[in-house]
C-alpha cells in the first residue's frame, strides 16, 4: 500500500489554517493544522511530515525561527514559508541558510499554492533534478560545464527554482543569462507554463511600457486597438527581464508596484489586474553598481535581487573552454572526429574570451568553415587572427587583434585577461578615460562588473 503524504500547517490565525486545509485536501494527503507554533514545532519534531507550511509572523514564534529549530533536529522534510514582502531581508537570510525551500506571498493564488505543494510532494529532492552528462560535461537544462564554479551555479539555480522568490542573474555578455533563467523556470513548478523573454535594452520607454503592461486603444499615438501585455500573457509562468538596468526610473517604479502588490494596470487604464507569474531579471551590470550610479532604484533592487546568481566568465571556468569547443565542433558537425593539436589547445586556454560562450561557439563555426576535409588535425593556424596572435605575456602584440592600431594605446590592454591585469595597467586605463567606468570597461573589453571587481581588488577609485 502506498504511503500517504503528510502535511503540517502552522498558523496562529485559525481562519487561515482552516482555509489551507480545505485548499489542500485535493492532494490526497493527511493534513494536520495547529494554531500554536510551539506545539507545531513539537509535532514536526516527533512526527515525519513531508511538508511543513508555516506563517512567518506569529505571536510566540516566527516561521523562520521555527524552521531554524526544526532543521537543527531533522532534515527530511520540505518547508514552505507564508509571508508578505515586508519580510524580505529575513527571508533572504533564511533561504541562504537552507531553512526555507519555498516562499509564498500573501495574498497567495490558490491554484499556484496547490501546484507548489504538489510539486514538492512529487520531487522531495534537495538538489537539482535534471543534471545529465553530455560530451563529458554536466548538462543542467542546456547549461554545460565541468568546472566546480558552474556546479555551484547549478545548485543555486535549483534552490532558486524551488524558492518561488524573484531571481537576479548577473554575468558578462555571452555567459548564458537567458539559458540560466530558462533552467530556473524548467526546474520550478511553473515548468509547464509560459516562459517569456524580454530585453529591456531593445525598446524605448513608451514601447517598453506598452509591451510589459499592455495598452488601451487611443492611450498613445498609434494605439489603434487594445493590446495585452507580457505581464498578462505569462499567465502564471515566468517573465524574464534581460538587461533590466536599462529600464527608465519611471518604469522601475511601476515594476516595483508589480512586485510589491502583485497587480498592475495597462497603459491608458485605471483597472487593476492581478499578476500571478514569477519575475527573473538579469544584467551584465550588477544592481549594486547601477544603484551607485543612481540609475536604478535601491528599493527595486531589493525586490529583484532576493536570490542572486552570478555567472562566472568563461576564462574563470577551468578547462571548460577546450571541452566546450570540442562539444560545439561535434554539435555543428556530428561526424567530426579530428583532434585538436597542443598549440591550438594552449591558444584556447590563454585567450580571455571577452565574448564568453557565444564567442567560443562562433570560433568553432569559423574553424570548420576555414578547413576542408583534407585537414587531418585542427591547428592554431586555423583559428581567427586575434586568437592565434594573442600573447598573455606581451600586451603590446595583442593590438594585432585589432588591426595593429597604434593610435590608441589603451588597445594594448584591451584583451588582457582580468586576472593577468596589473594595478598599473588598470590605473593607466582609468586615467586615460578620466575615471569614466563605462568607457574604461569598453576600452578594456570587459564588463563594468569586472572593472568594479578589479578596482576593488587593487583598492582604486575613479
Foldseek 3Di string as FASTA:
>chain_A
DDDAAEEEEEALDVVVQVVVCVLQVVVRHHYHYDNDLVVSLVVVLVDPHQEYEYEQDHDPHGPLRSLVVSVVRDDQHAYEYEEACVCLVVVLVSLVVVSHQEYAYPPGDSVVVNLLVNVCVVPSDLFQDDWDDDLNWTQQQNDTADFPLVSVLRRLLLSLLRHLAFEEEAAAAQLQPVSSVLSSQCNHSQNVFDEAEDEPVPDDQVVVLCQAQWAAQPLDPPRNHTDHHPLVRRPAGEYEYEQCLVHAPVVLVQVLCCLRVQWHHHRPDPDIDGRNYYYYYYYNDQPVVSVVVVSHDPSSNSRNHSDYRYRYAQLPRPLGLVSVLVVLLCVVPVVDDAEEDPQLSVLSNQFQPLNGPVVSSVQSVQLVVQDDPVDRHRYLVSTPPLSSQDDLVFLQSSCVSVVNDPPDVLLSQQRHHLVSDDPVNLVVLCVVVVNDLVVSCVSNSHGSVSNVVSCVVVVHHD
